[in-house]
């Protein structure tokens, strides 16, 4: 349940993403985005802390080569780091916007980090599923 619930939350976040930073002028939307980001971040951290107790190939019927185990672990850790960067960079964007940084280098860097995290998450999810 936790796995599929998280996937639904992730998909919802990707579908409802903002088209433009100017949408954050809507205070209700800004608050919603902040609360959503915090909830998403807490779930990712909780999920990581919970799942790290289990081996990556827990249900494998055959011995898994050590190289595959390390690769799988690296991909999982990369996914968690990426999924933590998504809400953190979103919160940074919202914070900068609230402080009046609607444009400029700092906002561009925050948006770039957010877009990079989203793109990397797509790639890592495809690798994870594969």
Foldseek 3Di string as FASTA:
>chain_A
DLVVVLVVLVVVCVVPDDPALVVVVPVVVLVVLLVSLVVQLVSLVVCCVVPVVDQPPNPDPDDDDPVVSVVLVVLVVLLSVLSNQQSVLVVQLSVCVVVPPRDDDSNVVSVVSNVVSVVVNVVSVVVNVD
